[in-house]
Amino acid sequence: MKIFRQISEFTSPCHPVVTVGVFDGVHKGHLEIIDKLSAIAKANNCESVVITFEPHPRLVLPHHAELKLLQTLDEKLERFEIAGVDSVLVIPFDREFAKISPHDFINNILVDQIHLSHVITGYDHFFGQNRQGDFDMLAQMGKQYDFTVDELQMVTVGNNTVSSSSVRRALLDGDVRLAANMLGYVYSITGEVVVGNKIGRNIGFPTANLKPSNAHKLVPGQGVYASIVKSKGINYKGMANIGYRPTIDADHLTIEVNIFDFDQDIYGQEITLSFVERIRNEKRFNSLGDLQLQLANDKIVASRMLEGF
C-alpha cells in the first residue's frame, strides 16, 4: 500500500477510484465502502484510493476538542492495508484547509490533483467548508467533470446502525462485544507500561499499568474486562481493570492488566491491550482479602471468556 502525506505528492498511473472521509475506527460500514472501492478499481484495471485527514477535523475545529478517537493514524493505516486499499492520501487538516469550499475541494483536489474516475461515499457523508458538500453535489459535478458517483447505504449490526459515534457509545458503556461486532475486530489501546502502586502484586495479582500512547484515544467505560495483551509480538490472556480502584481510594483513572502465566519485567515497554468481554462493574471491597477472592473468581470467568483466543 502506498501512502502519500501531501496532496502535491500524490501520483497514480491511472484515473483512480476514490473515497473520502475520516474513517475513525475503519468499522464495518467503512469496510463496505472499501470493498466496493476495490471491486470497481479492479474492474477498471485501476487503483483504489482512500483520502483521509490527520488530525481528525473535530480536533481542529472549534468546540470539538474533547473528542476521543477510536484509532491513531498508524492503526487506521494498518486497517486500510488489511482491507486491501492500494493507496492512501493523508491530507494534513488545519483551519485553513477547513475553509475550502466543497466545490473547490472537488475541482482543485479530486479533479485537478487526483484525476479521479469514480468516487464512492457513505449515506451520511458531508464535506468541505461547514460540511456543505454532499452526494448530490458530487453527482452534479461528476457530470461536469466526467466522473461517476456511488452512494452506499447504512450498515447495521442487530438493531444498531454502524458508525464511529455508535462504536464510541458502546465502548463508553463498556459493551466491548457490541463494539467489536460493529468494528469487525476487538478494540485495543497501545501504550507504555508504567510503575503503579504494586498493591496487586502483594495479593497475588500483579498488574501492568498502561499509559496510552495517544492522549486522544478513547478509553472504554469503567469495569473489569477479559483481555488479550500483546507484548513483543506474543499474545497473552489476562484481565484488565479500568477505573479509580475504590478499594484503595485511588485519585485518578488507571488502566491496568493482570497477565495470566506471565512473570517478566516489562516496565517502560510498549504493549497493546485488547478488550474482549466485560466481566463486571468496578466496585469497592471491604478489604484487600475480599478483593483477592473476587479477582480469583474474575480470572476463572475471564479464562472462560477467552477460550478460542
Protein backbone atom coordinates (compact mmCIF):
# COMPACT_ATOMS: atom_id res chain seq x y z
CA MET A 1 0.00 0.00 0.00
CA LYS A 2 1.34 3.41 -0.97
CA ILE A 3 0.97 6.29 1.50
CA PHE A 4 1.07 9.96 0.48
CA ARG A 5 1.15 12.66 3.14
CA GLN A 6 0.72 15.74 0.96
CA ILE A 7 -1.68 16.40 -1.90
CA SER A 8 1.23 17.55 -4.07
CA GLU A 9 2.99 14.18 -3.59
CA PHE A 10 0.12 12.09 -4.93
CA THR A 11 0.66 10.19 -8.17
CA SER A 12 -1.29 7.43 -9.87
CA PRO A 13 -0.74 5.51 -13.12
CA CYS A 14 -4.46 5.79 -13.96
CA HIS A 15 -7.66 7.64 -13.12
CA PRO A 16 -8.30 6.10 -9.70
CA VAL A 17 -11.45 5.14 -7.85
CA VAL A 18 -11.66 7.28 -4.71
CA THR A 19 -13.40 7.54 -1.36
CA VAL A 20 -13.00 10.42 1.08
CA GLY A 21 -13.54 10.52 4.83
CA VAL A 22 -12.11 10.46 8.33
CA PHE A 23 -12.75 6.71 8.72
CA ASP A 24 -12.22 6.72 12.50
CA GLY A 25 -12.29 3.07 13.53
CA VAL A 26 -12.42 1.68 9.95
CA HIS A 27 -15.57 -0.17 11.04
CA LYS A 28 -17.86 -2.47 9.07
CA GLY A 29 -19.64 0.46 7.44
CA HIS A 30 -16.30 1.79 6.19
CA LEU A 31 -15.31 -1.69 5.01
CA GLU A 32 -18.45 -1.89 2.85
CA ILE A 33 -17.24 1.26 1.12
CA ILE A 34 -13.69 -0.05 0.76
CA ASP A 35 -14.90 -3.40 -0.64
CA LYS A 36 -16.94 -1.55 -3.27
CA LEU A 37 -13.99 0.76 -3.94
CA SER A 38 -11.65 -2.18 -4.55
CA ALA A 39 -14.14 -4.06 -6.73
CA ILE A 40 -14.71 -1.09 -9.04
CA ALA A 41 -10.98 -0.33 -9.19
CA LYS A 42 -10.16 -3.91 -10.19
CA ALA A 43 -12.97 -3.99 -12.76
CA ASN A 44 -11.48 -0.86 -14.34
CA ASN A 45 -7.87 -2.07 -14.03
CA CYS A 46 -7.01 0.89 -11.84
CA GLU A 47 -6.17 1.88 -8.25
CA SER A 48 -8.31 2.18 -5.16
CA VAL A 49 -7.51 5.36 -3.24
CA VAL A 50 -8.65 6.39 0.23
CA ILE A 51 -8.34 10.10 1.07
CA THR A 52 -8.36 10.80 4.79
CA PHE A 53 -7.31 13.57 7.18
CA GLU A 54 -4.89 14.00 10.07
CA PRO A 55 -5.60 15.15 12.68
CA HIS A 56 -9.30 14.40 12.95
CA PRO A 57 -11.15 17.57 11.81
CA ARG A 58 -13.15 17.72 15.04
CA LEU A 59 -9.90 18.13 16.98
CA VAL A 60 -9.08 21.20 14.89
CA LEU A 61 -12.43 22.93 14.54
CA PRO A 62 -13.83 24.99 17.44
CA HIS A 63 -15.92 23.35 20.17
CA HIS A 64 -14.78 19.79 19.42
CA ALA A 65 -11.55 19.44 21.39
CA GLU A 66 -12.95 16.76 23.75
CA LEU A 67 -13.45 14.16 21.02
CA LYS A 68 -11.92 10.77 21.79
CA LEU A 69 -10.68 8.70 18.87
CA LEU A 70 -11.11 5.03 18.05
CA GLN A 71 -7.77 4.88 16.26
CA THR A 72 -4.42 6.52 15.88
CA LEU A 73 -3.33 7.26 12.32
CA ASP A 74 -0.97 4.26 12.32
CA GLU A 75 -3.80 1.96 13.42
CA LYS A 76 -6.04 3.37 10.71
CA LEU A 77 -3.42 2.85 8.02
CA GLU A 78 -2.93 -0.73 9.19
CA ARG A 79 -6.66 -1.37 8.78
CA PHE A 80 -6.64 0.14 5.29
CA GLU A 81 -3.81 -2.18 4.31
CA ILE A 82 -5.60 -5.23 5.74
CA ALA A 83 -8.68 -4.21 3.72
CA GLY A 84 -6.63 -4.19 0.51
CA VAL A 85 -6.51 -0.47 -0.29
CA ASP A 86 -3.92 0.37 -2.97
CA SER A 87 -3.09 3.97 -1.96
CA VAL A 88 -3.89 6.33 0.90
CA LEU A 89 -3.59 10.10 0.75
CA VAL A 90 -3.37 11.61 4.25
CA ILE A 91 -4.23 15.30 3.97
CA PRO A 92 -2.92 17.49 6.83
CA PHE A 93 -6.03 19.12 8.28
CA ASP A 94 -5.87 22.62 9.75
CA ARG A 95 -8.19 25.61 10.00
CA GLU A 96 -7.03 26.95 6.64
CA PHE A 97 -7.88 23.68 4.90
CA ALA A 98 -11.26 23.68 6.67
CA LYS A 99 -12.15 26.87 4.74
CA ILE A 100 -12.04 25.10 1.37
CA SER A 101 -15.48 25.07 -0.21
CA PRO A 102 -16.87 21.73 -1.36
CA HIS A 103 -16.81 22.97 -4.96
CA ASP A 104 -13.11 23.82 -4.72
CA PHE A 105 -12.35 20.52 -2.99
CA ILE A 106 -13.90 18.64 -5.90
CA ASN A 107 -12.45 20.86 -8.63
CA ASN A 108 -8.98 21.61 -7.27
CA ILE A 109 -8.21 18.38 -5.45
CA LEU A 110 -10.31 15.46 -6.71
CA VAL A 111 -10.29 16.52 -10.36
CA ASP A 112 -7.10 18.55 -10.89
CA GLN A 113 -4.80 16.72 -8.45
CA ILE A 114 -6.19 13.18 -8.10
CA HIS A 115 -7.69 12.86 -11.62
CA LEU A 116 -10.38 10.53 -10.33
CA SER A 117 -12.73 8.46 -12.46
CA HIS A 118 -15.20 7.43 -9.76
CA VAL A 119 -15.98 8.34 -6.15
CA ILE A 120 -17.81 6.30 -3.51
CA THR A 121 -19.43 7.85 -0.43
CA GLY A 122 -21.34 6.65 2.61
CA TYR A 123 -25.00 7.52 3.11
CA ASP A 124 -24.19 10.29 5.62
CA HIS A 125 -21.07 11.81 4.06
CA PHE A 126 -20.63 15.59 4.03
CA PHE A 127 -17.50 17.54 3.16
CA GLY A 128 -15.99 20.95 2.55
CA GLN A 129 -16.46 24.17 4.50
CA ASN A 130 -19.27 23.82 7.07
CA ARG A 131 -19.96 20.32 5.68
CA GLN A 132 -21.89 21.85 2.79
CA GLY A 133 -20.88 19.22 0.21
CA ASP A 134 -22.91 16.04 -0.19
CA PHE A 135 -23.73 13.22 -2.60
CA ASP A 136 -26.00 15.40 -4.75
CA MET A 137 -23.21 17.94 -5.29
CA LEU A 138 -20.77 15.17 -6.20
CA ALA A 139 -23.24 13.69 -8.68
CA GLN A 140 -23.92 17.07 -10.26
CA MET A 141 -20.24 17.98 -10.57
CA GLY A 142 -19.44 14.48 -11.81
CA LYS A 143 -21.46 15.22 -14.93
CA GLN A 144 -19.47 18.41 -15.40
CA TYR A 145 -16.02 16.89 -14.80
CA ASP A 146 -16.63 13.38 -16.18
CA PHE A 147 -16.52 11.18 -13.10
CA THR A 148 -19.19 8.88 -11.67
CA VAL A 149 -20.50 8.53 -8.11
CA ASP A 150 -21.89 5.76 -5.90
CA GLU A 151 -23.55 6.17 -2.51
CA LEU A 152 -23.71 3.18 -0.17
CA GLN A 153 -26.45 2.74 2.40
CA MET A 154 -26.12 2.25 6.15
CA VAL A 155 -24.79 -0.96 7.66
CA THR A 156 -26.46 -2.39 10.76
CA VAL A 157 -25.46 -4.87 13.45
CA GLY A 158 -28.60 -6.12 15.15
CA ASN A 159 -30.63 -3.01 15.86
CA ASN A 160 -27.57 -0.74 15.75
CA THR A 161 -26.58 1.46 12.84
CA VAL A 162 -22.82 1.13 12.44
CA SER A 163 -20.99 4.44 12.77
CA SER A 164 -17.95 5.78 14.58
CA SER A 165 -20.28 7.51 17.05
CA SER A 166 -22.19 4.30 17.81
CA VAL A 167 -18.92 2.43 18.39
CA ARG A 168 -17.78 5.16 20.79
CA ARG A 169 -21.07 4.93 22.71
CA ALA A 170 -20.77 1.15 23.02
CA LEU A 171 -17.20 1.41 24.33
CA LEU A 172 -18.07 4.13 26.84
CA ASP A 173 -20.93 1.90 28.05
CA GLY A 174 -18.43 -0.92 28.49
CA ASP A 175 -20.11 -3.02 25.79
CA VAL A 176 -16.87 -4.05 24.11
CA ARG A 177 -18.52 -7.07 22.47
CA LEU A 178 -21.01 -4.85 20.62
CA ALA A 179 -18.16 -2.50 19.68
CA ALA A 180 -16.17 -5.44 18.27
CA ASN A 181 -19.20 -6.60 16.29
CA MET A 182 -19.51 -3.16 14.70
CA LEU A 183 -15.77 -2.73 14.16
CA GLY A 184 -15.10 -6.22 12.89
CA TYR A 185 -12.20 -6.62 15.33
CA VAL A 186 -11.52 -6.30 19.06
CA TYR A 187 -10.89 -2.77 20.31
CA SER A 188 -7.43 -2.11 21.72
CA ILE A 189 -5.19 0.52 23.28
CA THR A 190 -1.41 0.66 22.90
CA GLY A 191 0.82 2.31 25.45
CA GLU A 192 3.77 2.17 27.80
CA VAL A 193 3.88 0.08 30.96
CA VAL A 194 4.48 2.45 33.88
CA VAL A 195 5.10 1.94 37.57
CA GLY A 196 1.97 1.62 39.73
CA ASN A 197 1.48 1.20 43.48
CA LYS A 198 2.19 -2.58 43.31
CA ILE A 199 -0.77 -3.50 45.54
CA GLY A 200 -1.86 -6.16 43.05
CA ARG A 201 1.49 -7.89 43.39
CA ASN A 202 1.06 -8.05 47.16
CA ILE A 203 -2.22 -10.01 46.82
CA GLY A 204 -1.06 -12.38 44.09
CA PHE A 205 -2.38 -10.46 41.07
CA PRO A 206 0.43 -8.23 39.75
CA THR A 207 -0.71 -5.75 37.13
CA ALA A 208 0.90 -3.84 34.29
CA ASN A 209 -0.26 -0.21 34.39
CA LEU A 210 -0.81 1.20 30.92
CA LYS A 211 -0.22 4.81 29.87
CA PRO A 212 -1.86 5.20 26.42
CA SER A 213 0.49 6.43 23.69
CA ASN A 214 -2.14 8.82 22.34
CA ALA A 215 -3.96 11.14 24.75
CA HIS A 216 -6.95 11.35 22.37
CA LYS A 217 -7.51 7.58 22.31
CA LEU A 218 -10.87 6.55 23.76
CA VAL A 219 -10.74 4.51 26.97
CA PRO A 220 -13.69 2.13 27.48
CA GLY A 221 -16.04 2.58 30.42
CA GLN A 222 -15.00 1.63 33.93
CA GLY A 223 -15.05 -2.05 34.79
CA VAL A 224 -13.20 -5.35 34.63
CA TYR A 225 -12.56 -6.94 31.23
CA ALA A 226 -11.34 -10.24 29.83
CA SER A 227 -8.42 -9.09 27.71
CA ILE A 228 -5.63 -10.05 25.36
CA VAL A 229 -2.21 -8.46 25.88
CA LYS A 230 0.34 -8.29 23.08
CA SER A 231 3.93 -7.91 24.27
CA LYS A 232 6.92 -8.21 21.92
CA GLY A 233 4.73 -9.83 19.29
CA ILE A 234 3.32 -12.52 21.61
CA ASN A 235 -0.32 -12.63 22.77
CA TYR A 236 -1.16 -13.41 26.40
CA LYS A 237 -4.51 -13.76 28.15
CA GLY A 238 -5.40 -11.52 31.07
CA MET A 239 -7.98 -9.40 32.85
CA ALA A 240 -7.93 -5.62 32.84
CA ASN A 241 -9.39 -3.05 35.19
CA ILE A 242 -10.34 0.47 34.13
CA GLY A 243 -11.29 2.82 36.93
CA TYR A 244 -10.35 4.53 40.16
CA ARG A 245 -9.70 1.41 42.31
CA PRO A 246 -12.18 2.40 45.04
CA THR A 247 -10.91 -0.24 47.49
CA ILE A 248 -7.66 1.73 47.89
CA ASP A 249 -9.22 5.18 47.25
CA ALA A 250 -7.10 5.98 44.19
CA ASP A 251 -7.48 9.54 42.95
CA HIS A 252 -7.04 9.09 39.20
CA LEU A 253 -8.24 6.79 36.42
CA THR A 254 -5.97 3.85 35.73
CA ILE A 255 -5.78 1.13 33.09
CA GLU A 256 -4.13 -1.97 34.49
CA VAL A 257 -3.98 -5.59 33.43
CA ASN A 258 -3.12 -8.83 35.19
CA ILE A 259 -1.43 -11.02 32.58
CA PHE A 260 -2.01 -14.71 33.15
CA ASP A 261 1.02 -17.02 33.47
CA PHE A 262 3.42 -14.14 32.96
CA ASP A 263 6.38 -13.12 35.10
CA GLN A 264 8.52 -10.66 33.12
CA ASP A 265 9.71 -7.15 33.87
CA ILE A 266 8.08 -5.02 31.17
CA TYR A 267 8.32 -1.57 32.76
CA GLY A 268 8.95 1.02 30.05
CA GLN A 269 7.93 -1.37 27.28
CA GLU A 270 5.04 -0.93 24.85
CA ILE A 271 2.11 -3.33 25.00
CA THR A 272 -1.26 -3.50 23.26
CA LEU A 273 -4.30 -4.24 25.42
CA SER A 274 -7.41 -5.60 23.69
CA PHE A 275 -10.80 -5.68 25.42
CA VAL A 276 -12.67 -8.89 24.58
CA GLU A 277 -15.57 -9.00 27.06
CA ARG A 278 -16.73 -7.06 30.12
CA ILE A 279 -16.80 -9.14 33.31
CA ARG A 280 -18.32 -6.77 35.87
CA ASN A 281 -18.50 -3.24 37.21
CA GLU A 282 -15.68 -1.85 39.30
CA LYS A 283 -16.66 -1.95 42.98
CA ARG A 284 -15.35 -1.19 46.46
CA PHE A 285 -14.40 -4.13 48.69
CA ASN A 286 -14.23 -4.12 52.48
CA SER A 287 -10.68 -5.43 52.49
CA LEU A 288 -7.83 -6.44 50.21
CA GLY A 289 -8.66 -10.04 51.15
CA ASP A 290 -12.15 -9.65 49.72
CA LEU A 291 -10.65 -8.08 46.60
CA GLN A 292 -8.26 -11.02 46.28
CA LEU A 293 -11.15 -13.51 46.39
CA GLN A 294 -13.06 -11.54 43.75
CA LEU A 295 -10.00 -11.39 41.47
CA ALA A 296 -9.60 -15.16 41.72
CA ASN A 297 -13.20 -15.55 40.55
CA ASP A 298 -12.69 -12.91 37.84
CA LYS A 299 -9.75 -14.92 36.49
CA ILE A 300 -11.94 -18.00 36.15
CA VAL A 301 -14.61 -16.00 34.30
CA ALA A 302 -12.03 -14.27 32.09
CA SER A 303 -10.35 -17.56 31.19
CA ARG A 304 -13.71 -18.94 30.07
CA MET A 305 -14.46 -15.83 28.01
CA LEU A 306 -11.05 -16.02 26.33
CA GLU A 307 -11.35 -19.62 25.17
CA GLY A 308 -10.52 -19.69 21.48
CA PHE A 309 -8.30 -16.60 21.59
